[in-house]
Amino acid sequence: MNSLIRTIPYSIELADSFFKRLKGLMFRKDQLVGEGLWIIPCNSIHMCFMNFSIDAVFLSKEGRIVRLVEDLKPWRIVKPIKNAYSVIELPAGTIKKHDLKIGEIIKL
């Protein structure tokens, strides 16, 4: 398993309270640009009331990537991911742009 430690060069906002996790990026009009949202704890997401696509990077408690979901469109759902403890929602195309891989560790 790849243990490369990666950073994501974006401004990442933390959503670690019930209300921040509940709201997430819902109803936001503008797409993400150079920013993301780290939802913790979280092992599944929905795209209800979203106005743009995102990339989702699901992490274990240790920060290891356990699932990558590219170009997740509005009104889609990602069912619970085994071993996922949190998710980083990023601009669509980020996974490909930074060549993120399952097994890598993300440092935030």
PDB file of N, CA and C in Angstrom:
ATOM      1  N   MET A   1       0.844  -1.189   0.000  1.00  0.00           N
ATOM      2  CA  MET A   1       0.000   0.000   0.000  1.00  0.00           C
ATOM      3  C   MET A   1       0.885   1.246   0.000  1.00  0.00           C
ATOM      4  N   ASN A   2       0.529   2.194  -0.809  1.00  0.00           N
ATOM      5  CA  ASN A   2       1.287   3.435  -0.924  1.00  0.00           C
ATOM      6  C   ASN A   2       1.111   4.261   0.354  1.00  0.00           C
ATOM      7  N   SER A   3       2.200   4.709   0.937  1.00  0.00           N
ATOM      8  CA  SER A   3       2.095   5.516   2.162  1.00  0.00           C
ATOM      9  C   SER A   3       2.584   6.942   1.941  1.00  0.00           C
ATOM     10  N   LEU A   4       2.556   7.388   0.697  1.00  0.00           N
ATOM     11  CA  LEU A   4       2.965   8.751   0.372  1.00  0.00           C
ATOM     12  C   LEU A   4       2.110   9.749   1.142  1.00  0.00           C
ATOM     13  N   ILE A   5       2.755  10.720   1.764  1.00  0.00           N
ATOM     14  CA  ILE A   5       2.028  11.772   2.481  1.00  0.00           C
ATOM     15  C   ILE A   5       1.852  12.950   1.535  1.00  0.00           C
ATOM     16  N   ARG A   6       0.610  13.373   1.354  1.00  0.00           N
ATOM     17  CA  ARG A   6       0.275  14.432   0.408  1.00  0.00           C
ATOM     18  C   ARG A   6      -0.356  15.606   1.138  1.00  0.00           C
ATOM     19  N   THR A   7      -0.193  16.771   0.572  1.00  0.00           N
ATOM     20  CA  THR A   7      -0.921  17.948   1.033  1.00  0.00           C
ATOM     21  C   THR A   7      -1.769  18.429  -0.139  1.00  0.00           C
ATOM     22  N   ILE A   8      -2.834  19.121   0.167  1.00  0.00           N
ATOM     23  CA  ILE A   8      -3.690  19.703  -0.860  1.00  0.00           C
ATOM     24  C   ILE A   8      -3.545  21.216  -0.724  1.00  0.00           C
ATOM     25  N   PRO A   9      -3.048  21.886  -1.764  1.00  0.00           N
ATOM     26  CA  PRO A   9      -2.716  23.312  -1.649  1.00  0.00           C
ATOM     27  C   PRO A   9      -3.929  24.237  -1.745  1.00  0.00           C
ATOM     28  N   TYR A  10      -4.953  23.917  -0.998  1.00  0.00           N
ATOM     29  CA  TYR A  10      -6.176  24.715  -0.998  1.00  0.00           C
ATOM     30  C   TYR A  10      -6.478  25.166   0.419  1.00  0.00           C
ATOM     31  N   SER A  11      -7.300  26.179   0.523  1.00  0.00           N
ATOM     32  CA  SER A  11      -7.815  26.613   1.817  1.00  0.00           C
ATOM     33  C   SER A  11      -8.951  25.663   2.191  1.00  0.00           C
ATOM     34  N   ILE A  12      -8.777  24.906   3.262  1.00  0.00           N
ATOM     35  CA  ILE A  12      -9.755  23.898   3.654  1.00  0.00           C
ATOM     36  C   ILE A  12     -10.483  24.358   4.916  1.00  0.00           C
ATOM     37  N   GLU A  13     -11.795  24.493   4.802  1.00  0.00           N
ATOM     38  CA  GLU A  13     -12.634  24.862   5.950  1.00  0.00           C
ATOM     39  C   GLU A  13     -13.048  23.587   6.674  1.00  0.00           C
ATOM     40  N   LEU A  14     -13.081  23.626   7.995  1.00  0.00           N
ATOM     41  CA  LEU A  14     -13.461  22.482   8.802  1.00  0.00           C
ATOM     42  C   LEU A  14     -14.944  22.550   9.161  1.00  0.00           C
ATOM     43  N   ALA A  15     -15.662  21.459   8.893  1.00  0.00           N
ATOM     44  CA  ALA A  15     -17.069  21.333   9.291  1.00  0.00           C
ATOM     45  C   ALA A  15     -17.129  20.205  10.315  1.00  0.00           C
ATOM     46  N   ASP A  16     -17.038  20.571  11.590  1.00  0.00           N
ATOM     47  CA  ASP A  16     -16.977  19.564  12.643  1.00  0.00           C
ATOM     48  C   ASP A  16     -18.077  19.705  13.691  1.00  0.00           C
ATOM     49  N   SER A  17     -19.057  20.543  13.419  1.00  0.00           N
ATOM     50  CA  SER A  17     -20.211  20.652  14.309  1.00  0.00           C
ATOM     51  C   SER A  17     -21.441  20.132  13.564  1.00  0.00           C
ATOM     52  N   PHE A  18     -22.488  19.815  14.287  1.00  0.00           N
ATOM     53  CA  PHE A  18     -23.695  19.276  13.672  1.00  0.00           C
ATOM     54  C   PHE A  18     -24.212  20.200  12.567  1.00  0.00           C
ATOM     55  N   PHE A  19     -24.318  21.486  12.846  1.00  0.00           N
ATOM     56  CA  PHE A  19     -24.900  22.411  11.868  1.00  0.00           C
ATOM     57  C   PHE A  19     -23.985  22.641  10.660  1.00  0.00           C
ATOM     58  N   LYS A  20     -22.676  22.713  10.886  1.00  0.00           N
ATOM     59  CA  LYS A  20     -21.742  22.868   9.758  1.00  0.00           C
ATOM     60  C   LYS A  20     -21.776  21.631   8.863  1.00  0.00           C
ATOM     61  N   ARG A  21     -21.851  20.443   9.481  1.00  0.00           N
ATOM     62  CA  ARG A  21     -21.923  19.210   8.692  1.00  0.00           C
ATOM     63  C   ARG A  21     -23.244  19.127   7.951  1.00  0.00           C
ATOM     64  N   LEU A  22     -24.314  19.527   8.603  1.00  0.00           N
ATOM     65  CA  LEU A  22     -25.643  19.486   7.989  1.00  0.00           C
ATOM     66  C   LEU A  22     -25.708  20.396   6.767  1.00  0.00           C
ATOM     67  N   LYS A  23     -25.206  21.614   6.886  1.00  0.00           N
ATOM     68  CA  LYS A  23     -25.263  22.566   5.781  1.00  0.00           C
ATOM     69  C   LYS A  23     -24.266  22.214   4.681  1.00  0.00           C
ATOM     70  N   GLY A  24     -23.045  21.871   5.064  1.00  0.00           N
ATOM     71  CA  GLY A  24     -22.022  21.540   4.074  1.00  0.00           C
ATOM     72  C   GLY A  24     -21.933  22.617   3.006  1.00  0.00           C
ATOM     73  N   LEU A  25     -22.029  22.211   1.748  1.00  0.00           N
ATOM     74  CA  LEU A  25     -21.968  23.155   0.632  1.00  0.00           C
ATOM     75  C   LEU A  25     -23.340  23.378  -0.004  1.00  0.00           C
ATOM     76  N   MET A  26     -24.395  22.886   0.655  1.00  0.00           N
ATOM     77  CA  MET A  26     -25.740  23.050   0.098  1.00  0.00           C
ATOM     78  C   MET A  26     -26.066  24.519  -0.116  1.00  0.00           C
ATOM     79  N   PHE A  27     -26.751  24.788  -1.196  1.00  0.00           N
ATOM     80  CA  PHE A  27     -27.277  26.113  -1.560  1.00  0.00           C
ATOM     81  C   PHE A  27     -26.190  27.106  -1.980  1.00  0.00           C
ATOM     82  N   ARG A  28     -24.951  26.721  -1.921  1.00  0.00           N
ATOM     83  CA  ARG A  28     -23.882  27.618  -2.364  1.00  0.00           C
ATOM     84  C   ARG A  28     -24.029  27.818  -3.870  1.00  0.00           C
ATOM     85  N   LYS A  29     -23.931  29.044  -4.314  1.00  0.00           N
ATOM     86  CA  LYS A  29     -24.120  29.365  -5.736  1.00  0.00           C
ATOM     87  C   LYS A  29     -22.851  29.159  -6.561  1.00  0.00           C
ATOM     88  N   ASP A  30     -21.696  29.589  -6.008  1.00  0.00           N
ATOM     89  CA  ASP A  30     -20.445  29.552  -6.757  1.00  0.00           C
ATOM     90  C   ASP A  30     -19.687  28.244  -6.530  1.00  0.00           C
ATOM     91  N   GLN A  31     -19.082  27.738  -7.593  1.00  0.00           N
ATOM     92  CA  GLN A  31     -18.255  26.538  -7.492  1.00  0.00           C
ATOM     93  C   GLN A  31     -17.059  26.792  -6.587  1.00  0.00           C
ATOM     94  N   LEU A  32     -16.492  25.706  -6.068  1.00  0.00           N
ATOM     95  CA  LEU A  32     -15.273  25.805  -5.278  1.00  0.00           C
ATOM     96  C   LEU A  32     -14.109  26.166  -6.193  1.00  0.00           C
ATOM     97  N   VAL A  33     -13.267  27.086  -5.722  1.00  0.00           N
ATOM     98  CA  VAL A  33     -12.049  27.454  -6.452  1.00  0.00           C
ATOM     99  C   VAL A  33     -10.942  27.606  -5.407  1.00  0.00           C
ATOM    100  N   GLY A  34      -9.960  26.718  -5.445  1.00  0.00           N
ATOM    101  CA  GLY A  34      -8.842  26.802  -4.512  1.00  0.00           C
ATOM    102  C   GLY A  34      -9.245  26.629  -3.064  1.00  0.00           C
ATOM    103  N   GLU A  35     -10.337  25.928  -2.845  1.00  0.00           N
ATOM    104  CA  GLU A  35     -10.841  25.742  -1.480  1.00  0.00           C
ATOM    105  C   GLU A  35     -11.562  24.411  -1.384  1.00  0.00           C
ATOM    106  N   GLY A  36     -11.829  23.998  -0.148  1.00  0.00           N
ATOM    107  CA  GLY A  36     -12.554  22.765   0.077  1.00  0.00           C
ATOM    108  C   GLY A  36     -13.195  22.764   1.440  1.00  0.00           C
ATOM    109  N   LEU A  37     -13.943  21.698   1.709  1.00  0.00           N
ATOM    110  CA  LEU A  37     -14.623  21.545   2.992  1.00  0.00           C
ATOM    111  C   LEU A  37     -14.297  20.160   3.533  1.00  0.00           C
ATOM    112  N   TRP A  38     -13.765  20.110   4.768  1.00  0.00           N
ATOM    113  CA  TRP A  38     -13.428  18.847   5.425  1.00  0.00           C
ATOM    114  C   TRP A  38     -14.527  18.563   6.442  1.00  0.00           C
ATOM    115  N   ILE A  39     -15.308  17.524   6.184  1.00  0.00           N
ATOM    116  CA  ILE A  39     -16.430  17.164   7.049  1.00  0.00           C
ATOM    117  C   ILE A  39     -15.992  15.999   7.926  1.00  0.00           C
ATOM    118  N   ILE A  40     -16.059  16.243   9.241  1.00  0.00           N
ATOM    119  CA  ILE A  40     -15.579  15.256  10.192  1.00  0.00           C
ATOM    120  C   ILE A  40     -16.472  15.219  11.418  1.00  0.00           C
ATOM    121  N   PRO A  41     -16.972  14.102  11.875  1.00  0.00           N
ATOM    122  CA  PRO A  41     -16.905  12.801  11.235  1.00  0.00           C
ATOM    123  C   PRO A  41     -17.926  12.706  10.103  1.00  0.00           C
ATOM    124  N   CYS A  42     -17.625  11.857   9.115  1.00  0.00           N
ATOM    125  CA  CYS A  42     -18.518  11.681   7.967  1.00  0.00           C
ATOM    126  C   CYS A  42     -18.038  10.499   7.134  1.00  0.00           C
ATOM    127  N   ASN A  43     -18.945   9.573   6.808  1.00  0.00           N
ATOM    128  CA  ASN A  43     -18.557   8.450   5.959  1.00  0.00           C
ATOM    129  C   ASN A  43     -19.440   8.297   4.723  1.00  0.00           C
ATOM    130  N   SER A  44     -20.361   9.253   4.520  1.00  0.00           N
ATOM    131  CA  SER A  44     -21.197   9.271   3.315  1.00  0.00           C
ATOM    132  C   SER A  44     -21.652  10.707   3.078  1.00  0.00           C
ATOM    133  N   ILE A  45     -21.991  11.010   1.819  1.00  0.00           N
ATOM    134  CA  ILE A  45     -22.460  12.364   1.515  1.00  0.00           C
ATOM    135  C   ILE A  45     -23.603  12.308   0.516  1.00  0.00           C
ATOM    136  N   HIS A  46     -24.357  13.394   0.489  1.00  0.00           N
ATOM    137  CA  HIS A  46     -25.393  13.561  -0.536  1.00  0.00           C
ATOM    138  C   HIS A  46     -25.150  14.896  -1.226  1.00  0.00           C
ATOM    139  N   MET A  47     -25.669  14.992  -2.429  1.00  0.00           N
ATOM    140  CA  MET A  47     -25.489  16.213  -3.223  1.00  0.00           C
ATOM    141  C   MET A  47     -26.819  16.945  -3.414  1.00  0.00           C
ATOM    142  N   CYS A  48     -27.752  16.720  -2.505  1.00  0.00           N
ATOM    143  CA  CYS A  48     -29.047  17.396  -2.584  1.00  0.00           C
ATOM    144  C   CYS A  48     -28.845  18.904  -2.413  1.00  0.00           C
ATOM    145  N   PHE A  49     -29.562  19.673  -3.198  1.00  0.00           N
ATOM    146  CA  PHE A  49     -29.529  21.137  -3.152  1.00  0.00           C
ATOM    147  C   PHE A  49     -28.163  21.721  -3.500  1.00  0.00           C
ATOM    148  N   MET A  50     -27.344  20.943  -4.212  1.00  0.00           N
ATOM    149  CA  MET A  50     -26.043  21.425  -4.670  1.00  0.00           C
ATOM    150  C   MET A  50     -26.200  22.016  -6.061  1.00  0.00           C
ATOM    151  N   ASN A  51     -25.374  23.011  -6.371  1.00  0.00           N
ATOM    152  CA  ASN A  51     -25.448  23.703  -7.654  1.00  0.00           C
ATOM    153  C   ASN A  51     -24.257  23.409  -8.569  1.00  0.00           C
ATOM    154  N   PHE A  52     -23.347  22.527  -8.154  1.00  0.00           N
ATOM    155  CA  PHE A  52     -22.156  22.219  -8.947  1.00  0.00           C
ATOM    156  C   PHE A  52     -21.601  20.865  -8.521  1.00  0.00           C
ATOM    157  N   SER A  53     -20.749  20.299  -9.371  1.00  0.00           N
ATOM    158  CA  SER A  53     -20.097  19.020  -9.073  1.00  0.00           C
ATOM    159  C   SER A  53     -18.877  19.235  -8.185  1.00  0.00           C
ATOM    160  N   ILE A  54     -18.485  18.170  -7.483  1.00  0.00           N
ATOM    161  CA  ILE A  54     -17.297  18.202  -6.628  1.00  0.00           C
ATOM    162  C   ILE A  54     -16.538  16.883  -6.770  1.00  0.00           C
ATOM    163  N   ASP A  55     -15.316  16.859  -6.270  1.00  0.00           N
ATOM    164  CA  ASP A  55     -14.576  15.629  -6.021  1.00  0.00           C
ATOM    165  C   ASP A  55     -14.642  15.380  -4.519  1.00  0.00           C
ATOM    166  N   ALA A  56     -14.781  14.112  -4.130  1.00  0.00           N
ATOM    167  CA  ALA A  56     -14.841  13.757  -2.714  1.00  0.00           C
ATOM    168  C   ALA A  56     -13.711  12.782  -2.391  1.00  0.00           C
ATOM    169  N   VAL A  57     -12.959  13.115  -1.340  1.00  0.00           N
ATOM    170  CA  VAL A  57     -11.850  12.279  -0.894  1.00  0.00           C
ATOM    171  C   VAL A  57     -12.189  11.784   0.512  1.00  0.00           C
ATOM    172  N   PHE A  58     -12.489  10.487   0.624  1.00  0.00           N
ATOM    173  CA  PHE A  58     -12.842   9.898   1.909  1.00  0.00           C
ATOM    174  C   PHE A  58     -11.585   9.399   2.603  1.00  0.00           C
ATOM    175  N   LEU A  59     -11.452   9.755   3.890  1.00  0.00           N
ATOM    176  CA  LEU A  59     -10.252   9.451   4.666  1.00  0.00           C
ATOM    177  C   LEU A  59     -10.565   8.568   5.867  1.00  0.00           C
ATOM    178  N   SER A  60      -9.591   7.718   6.236  1.00  0.00           N
ATOM    179  CA  SER A  60      -9.680   6.957   7.482  1.00  0.00           C
ATOM    180  C   SER A  60      -9.351   7.904   8.637  1.00  0.00           C
ATOM    181  N   LYS A  61      -9.455   7.389   9.860  1.00  0.00           N
ATOM    182  CA  LYS A  61      -9.103   8.203  11.029  1.00  0.00           C
ATOM    183  C   LYS A  61      -7.650   8.659  10.980  1.00  0.00           C
ATOM    184  N   GLU A  62      -6.803   7.881  10.341  1.00  0.00           N
ATOM    185  CA  GLU A  62      -5.372   8.201  10.239  1.00  0.00           C
ATOM    186  C   GLU A  62      -5.075   9.146   9.087  1.00  0.00           C
ATOM    187  N   GLY A  63      -6.096   9.504   8.300  1.00  0.00           N
ATOM    188  CA  GLY A  63      -5.891  10.414   7.180  1.00  0.00           C
ATOM    189  C   GLY A  63      -5.534   9.724   5.877  1.00  0.00           C
ATOM    190  N   ARG A  64      -5.671   8.397   5.842  1.00  0.00           N
ATOM    191  CA  ARG A  64      -5.364   7.627   4.630  1.00  0.00           C
ATOM    192  C   ARG A  64      -6.577   7.644   3.695  1.00  0.00           C
ATOM    193  N   ILE A  65      -6.336   7.867   2.419  1.00  0.00           N
ATOM    194  CA  ILE A  65      -7.429   7.872   1.441  1.00  0.00           C
ATOM    195  C   ILE A  65      -7.979   6.460   1.298  1.00  0.00           C
ATOM    196  N   VAL A  66      -9.303   6.317   1.540  1.00  0.00           N
ATOM    197  CA  VAL A  66      -9.953   5.004   1.416  1.00  0.00           C
ATOM    198  C   VAL A  66     -10.905   4.947   0.219  1.00  0.00           C
ATOM    199  N   ARG A  67     -11.323   6.097  -0.288  1.00  0.00           N
ATOM    200  CA  ARG A  67     -12.181   6.128  -1.480  1.00  0.00           C
ATOM    201  C   ARG A  67     -12.061   7.489  -2.138  1.00  0.00           C
ATOM    202  N   LEU A  68     -12.070   7.492  -3.461  1.00  0.00           N
ATOM    203  CA  LEU A  68     -12.047   8.714  -4.256  1.00  0.00           C
ATOM    204  C   LEU A  68     -13.281   8.715  -5.152  1.00  0.00           C
ATOM    205  N   VAL A  69     -14.021   9.818  -5.137  1.00  0.00           N
ATOM    206  CA  VAL A  69     -15.196   9.952  -5.999  1.00  0.00           C
ATOM    207  C   VAL A  69     -15.002  11.221  -6.822  1.00  0.00           C
ATOM    208  N   GLU A  70     -14.825  11.026  -8.127  1.00  0.00           N
ATOM    209  CA  GLU A  70     -14.578  12.155  -9.016  1.00  0.00           C
ATOM    210  C   GLU A  70     -15.857  12.676  -9.638  1.00  0.00           C
ATOM    211  N   ASP A  71     -15.909  13.996  -9.802  1.00  0.00           N
ATOM    212  CA  ASP A  71     -16.984  14.671 -10.529  1.00  0.00           C
ATOM    213  C   ASP A  71     -18.374  14.233 -10.073  1.00  0.00           C
ATOM    214  N   LEU A  72     -18.588  14.304  -8.769  1.00  0.00           N
ATOM    215  CA  LEU A  72     -19.874  13.933  -8.177  1.00  0.00           C
ATOM    216  C   LEU A  72     -20.886  15.032  -8.479  1.00  0.00           C
ATOM    217  N   LYS A  73     -21.932  14.676  -9.182  1.00  0.00           N
ATOM    218  CA  LYS A  73     -22.914  15.636  -9.685  1.00  0.00           C
ATOM    219  C   LYS A  73     -24.010  15.921  -8.651  1.00  0.00           C
ATOM    220  N   PRO A  74     -24.668  17.086  -8.787  1.00  0.00           N
ATOM    221  CA  PRO A  74     -25.798  17.397  -7.897  1.00  0.00           C
ATOM    222  C   PRO A  74     -26.851  16.290  -7.927  1.00  0.00           C
ATOM    223  N   TRP A  75     -27.484  16.098  -6.773  1.00  0.00           N
ATOM    224  CA  TRP A  75     -28.575  15.144  -6.568  1.00  0.00           C
ATOM    225  C   TRP A  75     -28.124  13.686  -6.604  1.00  0.00           C
ATOM    226  N   ARG A  76     -26.843  13.448  -6.378  1.00  0.00           N
ATOM    227  CA  ARG A  76     -26.327  12.079  -6.258  1.00  0.00           C
ATOM    228  C   ARG A  76     -26.019  11.801  -4.784  1.00  0.00           C
ATOM    229  N   ILE A  77     -25.872  10.520  -4.469  1.00  0.00           N
ATOM    230  CA  ILE A  77     -25.574  10.096  -3.093  1.00  0.00           C
ATOM    231  C   ILE A  77     -24.387   9.146  -3.120  1.00  0.00           C
ATOM    232  N   VAL A  78     -23.508   9.280  -2.134  1.00  0.00           N
ATOM    233  CA  VAL A  78     -22.451   8.302  -1.909  1.00  0.00           C
ATOM    234  C   VAL A  78     -22.826   7.578  -0.622  1.00  0.00           C
ATOM    235  N   LYS A  79     -23.096   6.282  -0.750  1.00  0.00           N
ATOM    236  CA  LYS A  79     -23.469   5.468   0.415  1.00  0.00           C
ATOM    237  C   LYS A  79     -22.292   5.377   1.378  1.00  0.00           C
ATOM    238  N   PRO A  80     -22.567   4.974   2.631  1.00  0.00           N
ATOM    239  CA  PRO A  80     -21.483   4.890   3.619  1.00  0.00           C
ATOM    240  C   PRO A  80     -20.288   4.076   3.103  1.00  0.00           C
ATOM    241  N   ILE A  81     -19.106   4.611   3.352  1.00  0.00           N
ATOM    242  CA  ILE A  81     -17.849   4.008   2.916  1.00  0.00           C
ATOM    243  C   ILE A  81     -17.201   3.322   4.117  1.00  0.00           C
ATOM    244  N   LYS A  82     -16.928   2.038   3.957  1.00  0.00           N
ATOM    245  CA  LYS A  82     -16.275   1.279   5.025  1.00  0.00           C
ATOM    246  C   LYS A  82     -14.919   1.912   5.330  1.00  0.00           C
ATOM    247  N   ASN A  83     -14.624   2.066   6.601  1.00  0.00           N
ATOM    248  CA  ASN A  83     -13.359   2.622   7.110  1.00  0.00           C
ATOM    249  C   ASN A  83     -13.203   4.128   6.899  1.00  0.00           C
ATOM    250  N   ALA A  84     -14.197   4.794   6.339  1.00  0.00           N
ATOM    251  CA  ALA A  84     -14.099   6.255   6.187  1.00  0.00           C
ATOM    252  C   ALA A  84     -14.507   6.930   7.488  1.00  0.00           C
ATOM    253  N   TYR A  85     -13.727   7.912   7.881  1.00  0.00           N
ATOM    254  CA  TYR A  85     -14.006   8.693   9.080  1.00  0.00           C
ATOM    255  C   TYR A  85     -14.354  10.137   8.749  1.00  0.00           C
ATOM    256  N   SER A  86     -13.852  10.610   7.607  1.00  0.00           N
ATOM    257  CA  SER A  86     -14.127  11.985   7.194  1.00  0.00           C
ATOM    258  C   SER A  86     -14.063  12.070   5.681  1.00  0.00           C
ATOM    259  N   VAL A  87     -14.500  13.223   5.153  1.00  0.00           N
ATOM    260  CA  VAL A  87     -14.445  13.446   3.705  1.00  0.00           C
ATOM    261  C   VAL A  87     -14.026  14.885   3.447  1.00  0.00           C
ATOM    262  N   ILE A  88     -13.218  15.055   2.412  1.00  0.00           N
ATOM    263  CA  ILE A  88     -12.859  16.394   1.965  1.00  0.00           C
ATOM    264  C   ILE A  88     -13.571  16.617   0.638  1.00  0.00           C
ATOM    265  N   GLU A  89     -14.397  17.652   0.587  1.00  0.00           N
ATOM    266  CA  GLU A  89     -15.089  18.020  -0.647  1.00  0.00           C
ATOM    267  C   GLU A  89     -14.254  19.093  -1.334  1.00  0.00           C
ATOM    268  N   LEU A  90     -13.890  18.818  -2.592  1.00  0.00           N
ATOM    269  CA  LEU A  90     -12.953  19.666  -3.325  1.00  0.00           C
ATOM    270  C   LEU A  90     -13.516  20.027  -4.694  1.00  0.00           C
ATOM    271  N   PRO A  91     -12.932  21.021  -5.353  1.00  0.00           N
ATOM    272  CA  PRO A  91     -13.394  21.359  -6.697  1.00  0.00           C
ATOM    273  C   PRO A  91     -13.307  20.138  -7.620  1.00  0.00           C
ATOM    274  N   ALA A  92     -14.294  19.985  -8.485  1.00  0.00           N
ATOM    275  CA  ALA A  92     -14.263  18.907  -9.468  1.00  0.00           C
ATOM    276  C   ALA A  92     -12.967  18.997 -10.259  1.00  0.00           C
ATOM    277  N   GLY A  93     -12.304  17.876 -10.462  1.00  0.00           N
ATOM    278  CA  GLY A  93     -11.044  17.831 -11.193  1.00  0.00           C
ATOM    279  C   GLY A  93      -9.811  17.785 -10.304  1.00  0.00           C
ATOM    280  N   THR A  94      -9.980  17.998  -9.004  1.00  0.00           N
ATOM    281  CA  THR A  94      -8.845  18.036  -8.075  1.00  0.00           C
ATOM    282  C   THR A  94      -8.156  16.675  -7.983  1.00  0.00           C
ATOM    283  N   ILE A  95      -8.924  15.594  -7.920  1.00  0.00           N
ATOM    284  CA  ILE A  95      -8.330  14.259  -7.784  1.00  0.00           C
ATOM    285  C   ILE A  95      -7.395  13.984  -8.958  1.00  0.00           C
ATOM    286  N   LYS A  96      -7.863  14.268 -10.153  1.00  0.00           N
ATOM    287  CA  LYS A  96      -7.047  14.037 -11.351  1.00  0.00           C
ATOM    288  C   LYS A  96      -5.865  15.021 -11.392  1.00  0.00           C
ATOM    289  N   LYS A  97      -6.133  16.291 -11.112  1.00  0.00           N
ATOM    290  CA  LYS A  97      -5.098  17.330 -11.182  1.00  0.00           C
ATOM    291  C   LYS A  97      -3.915  17.021 -10.272  1.00  0.00           C
ATOM    292  N   HIS A  98      -4.199  16.514  -9.061  1.00  0.00           N
ATOM    293  CA  HIS A  98      -3.147  16.238  -8.084  1.00  0.00           C
ATOM    294  C   HIS A  98      -2.793  14.753  -8.026  1.00  0.00           C
ATOM    295  N   ASP A  99      -3.380  13.957  -8.926  1.00  0.00           N
ATOM    296  CA  ASP A  99      -3.089  12.527  -9.044  1.00  0.00           C
ATOM    297  C   ASP A  99      -3.188  11.817  -7.690  1.00  0.00           C
ATOM    298  N   LEU A 100      -4.280  12.096  -6.962  1.00  0.00           N
ATOM    299  CA  LEU A 100      -4.493  11.457  -5.670  1.00  0.00           C
ATOM    300  C   LEU A 100      -4.804   9.979  -5.855  1.00  0.00           C
ATOM    301  N   LYS A 101      -4.310   9.141  -4.934  1.00  0.00           N
ATOM    302  CA  LYS A 101      -4.488   7.687  -5.019  1.00  0.00           C
ATOM    303  C   LYS A 101      -4.940   7.134  -3.676  1.00  0.00           C
ATOM    304  N   ILE A 102      -5.725   6.058  -3.758  1.00  0.00           N
ATOM    305  CA  ILE A 102      -6.127   5.346  -2.549  1.00  0.00           C
ATOM    306  C   ILE A 102      -4.866   4.845  -1.849  1.00  0.00           C
ATOM    307  N   GLY A 103      -4.839   4.983  -0.528  1.00  0.00           N
ATOM    308  CA  GLY A 103      -3.696   4.548   0.266  1.00  0.00           C
ATOM    309  C   GLY A 103      -2.777   5.684   0.661  1.00  0.00           C
ATOM    310  N   GLU A 104      -2.804   6.788  -0.084  1.00  0.00           N
ATOM    311  CA  GLU A 104      -1.979   7.931   0.284  1.00  0.00           C
ATOM    312  C   GLU A 104      -2.544   8.578   1.553  1.00  0.00           C
ATOM    313  N   ILE A 105      -1.686   9.251   2.283  1.00  0.00           N
ATOM    314  CA  ILE A 105      -2.090   9.953   3.499  1.00  0.00           C
ATOM    315  C   ILE A 105      -2.171  11.437   3.189  1.00  0.00           C
ATOM    316  N   ILE A 106      -3.286  12.050   3.586  1.00  0.00           N
ATOM    317  CA  ILE A 106      -3.483  13.496   3.375  1.00  0.00           C
ATOM    318  C   ILE A 106      -3.178  14.212   4.688  1.00  0.00           C
ATOM    319  N   LYS A 107      -2.336  15.208   4.609  1.00  0.00           N
ATOM    320  CA  LYS A 107      -2.030  16.075   5.752  1.00  0.00           C
ATOM    321  C   LYS A 107      -2.784  17.378   5.564  1.00  0.00           C
ATOM    322  N   LEU A 108      -3.582  17.750   6.551  1.00  0.00           N
ATOM    323  CA  LEU A 108      -4.313  19.024   6.492  1.00  0.00           C
ATOM    324  C   LEU A 108      -3.843  19.948   7.589  1.00  0.00           C
TER     325      LEU A 108
END
